[in-house]
Amino acid sequence: MTSEGSDESDSFLHEELIPVLLIVGILLFLFPEPVTSTLGVVLVSLGVGLWVWDLVR
């Protein structure tokens, strides 16, 4: 048996979580409410940070 646990978690982070964070963050940022815009900026920042961390690793 091969250990695919780390590959699967990297795949999830790489292919699903980061794009979802970026898309949801951008959509929330476009709503004119201050709370949704702030949450959108936080989600986009988190998504970009994870993306950069994934590239550096």
PDB file of N, CA and C in Angstrom:
ATOM      1  N   MET A   1       0.831  -1.186   0.000  1.00  0.00           N
ATOM      2  CA  MET A   1       0.000   0.000   0.000  1.00  0.00           C
ATOM      3  C   MET A   1       0.871   1.243   0.000  1.00  0.00           C
ATOM      4  N   THR A   2       0.433   2.215  -0.729  1.00  0.00           N
ATOM      5  CA  THR A   2       1.140   3.492  -0.729  1.00  0.00           C
ATOM      6  C   THR A   2       0.413   4.464   0.184  1.00  0.00           C
ATOM      7  N   SER A   3       1.156   5.392   0.719  1.00  0.00           N
ATOM      8  CA  SER A   3       0.520   6.393   1.580  1.00  0.00           C
ATOM      9  C   SER A   3       0.137   7.593   0.729  1.00  0.00           C
ATOM     10  N   GLU A   4      -1.153   7.687   0.428  1.00  0.00           N
ATOM     11  CA  GLU A   4      -1.647   8.767  -0.406  1.00  0.00           C
ATOM     12  C   GLU A   4      -2.299   9.857   0.425  1.00  0.00           C
ATOM     13  N   GLY A   5      -2.166   9.818   1.738  1.00  0.00           N
ATOM     14  CA  GLY A   5      -2.805  10.795   2.601  1.00  0.00           C
ATOM     15  C   GLY A   5      -2.326  12.198   2.346  1.00  0.00           C
ATOM     16  N   SER A   6      -1.028  12.390   2.211  1.00  0.00           N
ATOM     17  CA  SER A   6      -0.515  13.739   1.979  1.00  0.00           C
ATOM     18  C   SER A   6      -0.848  14.216   0.568  1.00  0.00           C
ATOM     19  N   ASP A   7      -0.862  13.311  -0.399  1.00  0.00           N
ATOM     20  CA  ASP A   7      -1.209  13.693  -1.760  1.00  0.00           C
ATOM     21  C   ASP A   7      -2.667  14.133  -1.860  1.00  0.00           C
ATOM     22  N   GLU A   8      -3.546  13.423  -1.149  1.00  0.00           N
ATOM     23  CA  GLU A   8      -4.958  13.772  -1.184  1.00  0.00           C
ATOM     24  C   GLU A   8      -5.208  15.109  -0.513  1.00  0.00           C
ATOM     25  N   SER A   9      -4.544  15.368   0.607  1.00  0.00           N
ATOM     26  CA  SER A   9      -4.757  16.646   1.281  1.00  0.00           C
ATOM     27  C   SER A   9      -4.187  17.790   0.449  1.00  0.00           C
ATOM     28  N   ASP A  10      -3.052  17.575  -0.205  1.00  0.00           N
ATOM     29  CA  ASP A  10      -2.509  18.598  -1.094  1.00  0.00           C
ATOM     30  C   ASP A  10      -3.440  18.832  -2.276  1.00  0.00           C
ATOM     31  N   SER A  11      -4.025  17.769  -2.792  1.00  0.00           N
ATOM     32  CA  SER A  11      -4.932  17.888  -3.926  1.00  0.00           C
ATOM     33  C   SER A  11      -6.169  18.681  -3.528  1.00  0.00           C
ATOM     34  N   PHE A  12      -6.700  18.397  -2.339  1.00  0.00           N
ATOM     35  CA  PHE A  12      -7.881  19.129  -1.866  1.00  0.00           C
ATOM     36  C   PHE A  12      -7.554  20.604  -1.708  1.00  0.00           C
ATOM     37  N   LEU A  13      -6.413  20.900  -1.083  1.00  0.00           N
ATOM     38  CA  LEU A  13      -6.008  22.280  -0.867  1.00  0.00           C
ATOM     39  C   LEU A  13      -5.772  22.972  -2.199  1.00  0.00           C
ATOM     40  N   HIS A  14      -5.126  22.296  -3.086  1.00  0.00           N
ATOM     41  CA  HIS A  14      -4.718  22.874  -4.367  1.00  0.00           C
ATOM     42  C   HIS A  14      -5.899  23.056  -5.317  1.00  0.00           C
ATOM     43  N   GLU A  15      -6.755  22.049  -5.416  1.00  0.00           N
ATOM     44  CA  GLU A  15      -7.771  22.054  -6.460  1.00  0.00           C
ATOM     45  C   GLU A  15      -9.150  22.521  -6.010  1.00  0.00           C
ATOM     46  N   GLU A  16      -9.436  22.485  -4.706  1.00  0.00           N
ATOM     47  CA  GLU A  16     -10.791  22.804  -4.286  1.00  0.00           C
ATOM     48  C   GLU A  16     -10.876  23.964  -3.312  1.00  0.00           C
ATOM     49  N   LEU A  17     -10.075  23.958  -2.282  1.00  0.00           N
ATOM     50  CA  LEU A  17     -10.232  24.947  -1.226  1.00  0.00           C
ATOM     51  C   LEU A  17      -9.799  26.340  -1.663  1.00  0.00           C
ATOM     52  N   ILE A  18      -8.659  26.469  -2.275  1.00  0.00           N
ATOM     53  CA  ILE A  18      -8.137  27.785  -2.648  1.00  0.00           C
ATOM     54  C   ILE A  18      -9.046  28.482  -3.671  1.00  0.00           C
ATOM     55  N   PRO A  19      -9.454  27.827  -4.755  1.00  0.00           N
ATOM     56  CA  PRO A  19     -10.355  28.518  -5.692  1.00  0.00           C
ATOM     57  C   PRO A  19     -11.699  28.899  -5.073  1.00  0.00           C
ATOM     58  N   VAL A  20     -12.223  28.048  -4.196  1.00  0.00           N
ATOM     59  CA  VAL A  20     -13.501  28.369  -3.551  1.00  0.00           C
ATOM     60  C   VAL A  20     -13.346  29.590  -2.652  1.00  0.00           C
ATOM     61  N   LEU A  21     -12.257  29.652  -1.876  1.00  0.00           N
ATOM     62  CA  LEU A  21     -12.025  30.815  -1.026  1.00  0.00           C
ATOM     63  C   LEU A  21     -11.915  32.092  -1.857  1.00  0.00           C
ATOM     64  N   LEU A  22     -11.198  32.022  -2.967  1.00  0.00           N
ATOM     65  CA  LEU A  22     -11.031  33.203  -3.808  1.00  0.00           C
ATOM     66  C   LEU A  22     -12.353  33.645  -4.447  1.00  0.00           C
ATOM     67  N   ILE A  23     -13.106  32.710  -4.974  1.00  0.00           N
ATOM     68  CA  ILE A  23     -14.363  33.058  -5.638  1.00  0.00           C
ATOM     69  C   ILE A  23     -15.384  33.605  -4.648  1.00  0.00           C
ATOM     70  N   VAL A  24     -15.542  32.924  -3.507  1.00  0.00           N
ATOM     71  CA  VAL A  24     -16.501  33.391  -2.503  1.00  0.00           C
ATOM     72  C   VAL A  24     -16.063  34.737  -1.944  1.00  0.00           C
ATOM     73  N   GLY A  25     -14.772  34.910  -1.721  1.00  0.00           N
ATOM     74  CA  GLY A  25     -14.268  36.184  -1.216  1.00  0.00           C
ATOM     75  C   GLY A  25     -14.518  37.327  -2.177  1.00  0.00           C
ATOM     76  N   ILE A  26     -14.292  37.090  -3.467  1.00  0.00           N
ATOM     77  CA  ILE A  26     -14.542  38.136  -4.468  1.00  0.00           C
ATOM     78  C   ILE A  26     -16.026  38.463  -4.550  1.00  0.00           C
ATOM     79  N   LEU A  27     -16.878  37.430  -4.518  1.00  0.00           N
ATOM     80  CA  LEU A  27     -18.321  37.678  -4.561  1.00  0.00           C
ATOM     81  C   LEU A  27     -18.796  38.454  -3.337  1.00  0.00           C
ATOM     82  N   LEU A  28     -18.288  38.098  -2.155  1.00  0.00           N
ATOM     83  CA  LEU A  28     -18.677  38.826  -0.954  1.00  0.00           C
ATOM     84  C   LEU A  28     -18.162  40.265  -0.983  1.00  0.00           C
ATOM     85  N   PHE A  29     -16.994  40.473  -1.557  1.00  0.00           N
ATOM     86  CA  PHE A  29     -16.441  41.819  -1.641  1.00  0.00           C
ATOM     87  C   PHE A  29     -17.304  42.724  -2.514  1.00  0.00           C
ATOM     88  N   LEU A  30     -17.957  42.158  -3.517  1.00  0.00           N
ATOM     89  CA  LEU A  30     -18.760  42.947  -4.434  1.00  0.00           C
ATOM     90  C   LEU A  30     -20.085  43.406  -3.838  1.00  0.00           C
ATOM     91  N   PHE A  31     -20.557  42.757  -2.752  1.00  0.00           N
ATOM     92  CA  PHE A  31     -21.765  43.217  -2.084  1.00  0.00           C
ATOM     93  C   PHE A  31     -21.456  44.520  -1.354  1.00  0.00           C
ATOM     94  N   PRO A  32     -22.379  45.481  -1.398  1.00  0.00           N
ATOM     95  CA  PRO A  32     -22.079  46.811  -0.860  1.00  0.00           C
ATOM     96  C   PRO A  32     -22.119  46.929   0.662  1.00  0.00           C
ATOM     97  N   GLU A  33     -22.318  45.862   1.383  1.00  0.00           N
ATOM     98  CA  GLU A  33     -22.332  45.927   2.850  1.00  0.00           C
ATOM     99  C   GLU A  33     -20.909  45.885   3.389  1.00  0.00           C
ATOM    100  N   PRO A  34     -20.595  46.658   4.416  1.00  0.00           N
ATOM    101  CA  PRO A  34     -19.231  46.665   4.971  1.00  0.00           C
ATOM    102  C   PRO A  34     -18.811  45.312   5.553  1.00  0.00           C
ATOM    103  N   VAL A  35     -19.743  44.598   6.176  1.00  0.00           N
ATOM    104  CA  VAL A  35     -19.402  43.311   6.783  1.00  0.00           C
ATOM    105  C   VAL A  35     -19.039  42.286   5.713  1.00  0.00           C
ATOM    106  N   THR A  36     -19.809  42.220   4.645  1.00  0.00           N
ATOM    107  CA  THR A  36     -19.508  41.241   3.596  1.00  0.00           C
ATOM    108  C   THR A  36     -18.234  41.607   2.855  1.00  0.00           C
ATOM    109  N   SER A  37     -18.009  42.905   2.681  1.00  0.00           N
ATOM    110  CA  SER A  37     -16.770  43.328   2.018  1.00  0.00           C
ATOM    111  C   SER A  37     -15.553  42.968   2.864  1.00  0.00           C
ATOM    112  N   THR A  38     -15.656  43.165   4.162  1.00  0.00           N
ATOM    113  CA  THR A  38     -14.553  42.813   5.061  1.00  0.00           C
ATOM    114  C   THR A  38     -14.316  41.311   5.057  1.00  0.00           C
ATOM    115  N   LEU A  39     -15.390  40.536   5.143  1.00  0.00           N
ATOM    116  CA  LEU A  39     -15.254  39.078   5.102  1.00  0.00           C
ATOM    117  C   LEU A  39     -14.681  38.634   3.758  1.00  0.00           C
ATOM    118  N   GLY A  40     -15.079  39.293   2.682  1.00  0.00           N
ATOM    119  CA  GLY A  40     -14.542  38.968   1.360  1.00  0.00           C
ATOM    120  C   GLY A  40     -13.046  39.221   1.277  1.00  0.00           C
ATOM    121  N   VAL A  41     -12.595  40.341   1.832  1.00  0.00           N
ATOM    122  CA  VAL A  41     -11.160  40.645   1.830  1.00  0.00           C
ATOM    123  C   VAL A  41     -10.404  39.616   2.657  1.00  0.00           C
ATOM    124  N   VAL A  42     -10.967  39.204   3.785  1.00  0.00           N
ATOM    125  CA  VAL A  42     -10.318  38.194   4.626  1.00  0.00           C
ATOM    126  C   VAL A  42     -10.213  36.869   3.887  1.00  0.00           C
ATOM    127  N   LEU A  43     -11.287  36.451   3.222  1.00  0.00           N
ATOM    128  CA  LEU A  43     -11.266  35.180   2.494  1.00  0.00           C
ATOM    129  C   LEU A  43     -10.303  35.220   1.305  1.00  0.00           C
ATOM    130  N   VAL A  44     -10.267  36.328   0.594  1.00  0.00           N
ATOM    131  CA  VAL A  44      -9.330  36.448  -0.528  1.00  0.00           C
ATOM    132  C   VAL A  44      -7.894  36.433  -0.008  1.00  0.00           C
ATOM    133  N   SER A  45      -7.644  37.137   1.088  1.00  0.00           N
ATOM    134  CA  SER A  45      -6.295  37.135   1.673  1.00  0.00           C
ATOM    135  C   SER A  45      -5.893  35.736   2.120  1.00  0.00           C
ATOM    136  N   LEU A  46      -6.822  35.023   2.739  1.00  0.00           N
ATOM    137  CA  LEU A  46      -6.539  33.651   3.163  1.00  0.00           C
ATOM    138  C   LEU A  46      -6.272  32.756   1.956  1.00  0.00           C
ATOM    139  N   GLY A  47      -7.081  32.897   0.910  1.00  0.00           N
ATOM    140  CA  GLY A  47      -6.887  32.097  -0.293  1.00  0.00           C
ATOM    141  C   GLY A  47      -5.560  32.382  -0.971  1.00  0.00           C
ATOM    142  N   VAL A  48      -5.188  33.648  -1.071  1.00  0.00           N
ATOM    143  CA  VAL A  48      -3.903  34.007  -1.685  1.00  0.00           C
ATOM    144  C   VAL A  48      -2.755  33.521  -0.819  1.00  0.00           C
ATOM    145  N   GLY A  49      -2.894  33.652   0.493  1.00  0.00           N
ATOM    146  CA  GLY A  49      -1.846  33.164   1.393  1.00  0.00           C
ATOM    147  C   GLY A  49      -1.645  31.663   1.281  1.00  0.00           C
ATOM    148  N   LEU A  50      -2.741  30.908   1.226  1.00  0.00           N
ATOM    149  CA  LEU A  50      -2.628  29.454   1.058  1.00  0.00           C
ATOM    150  C   LEU A  50      -2.048  29.099  -0.303  1.00  0.00           C
ATOM    151  N   TRP A  51      -2.409  29.856  -1.314  1.00  0.00           N
ATOM    152  CA  TRP A  51      -1.886  29.602  -2.659  1.00  0.00           C
ATOM    153  C   TRP A  51      -0.380  29.837  -2.699  1.00  0.00           C
ATOM    154  N   VAL A  52       0.078  30.929  -2.119  1.00  0.00           N
ATOM    155  CA  VAL A  52       1.513  31.216  -2.076  1.00  0.00           C
ATOM    156  C   VAL A  52       2.234  30.177  -1.237  1.00  0.00           C
ATOM    157  N   TRP A  53       1.645  29.797  -0.099  1.00  0.00           N
ATOM    158  CA  TRP A  53       2.253  28.785   0.763  1.00  0.00           C
ATOM    159  C   TRP A  53       2.375  27.451   0.020  1.00  0.00           C
ATOM    160  N   ASP A  54       1.348  27.117  -0.777  1.00  0.00           N
ATOM    161  CA  ASP A  54       1.368  25.880  -1.554  1.00  0.00           C
ATOM    162  C   ASP A  54       2.439  25.943  -2.639  1.00  0.00           C
ATOM    163  N   LEU A  55       2.649  27.112  -3.238  1.00  0.00           N
ATOM    164  CA  LEU A  55       3.674  27.255  -4.264  1.00  0.00           C
ATOM    165  C   LEU A  55       5.081  27.183  -3.683  1.00  0.00           C
ATOM    166  N   VAL A  56       5.274  27.753  -2.497  1.00  0.00           N
ATOM    167  CA  VAL A  56       6.598  27.790  -1.876  1.00  0.00           C
ATOM    168  C   VAL A  56       6.988  26.401  -1.350  1.00  0.00           C
ATOM    169  N   ARG A  57       6.001  25.673  -0.859  1.00  0.00           N
ATOM    170  CA  ARG A  57       6.292  24.348  -0.299  1.00  0.00           C
ATOM    171  C   ARG A  57       6.807  23.427  -1.312  1.00  0.00           C
TER     172      ARG A  57
END
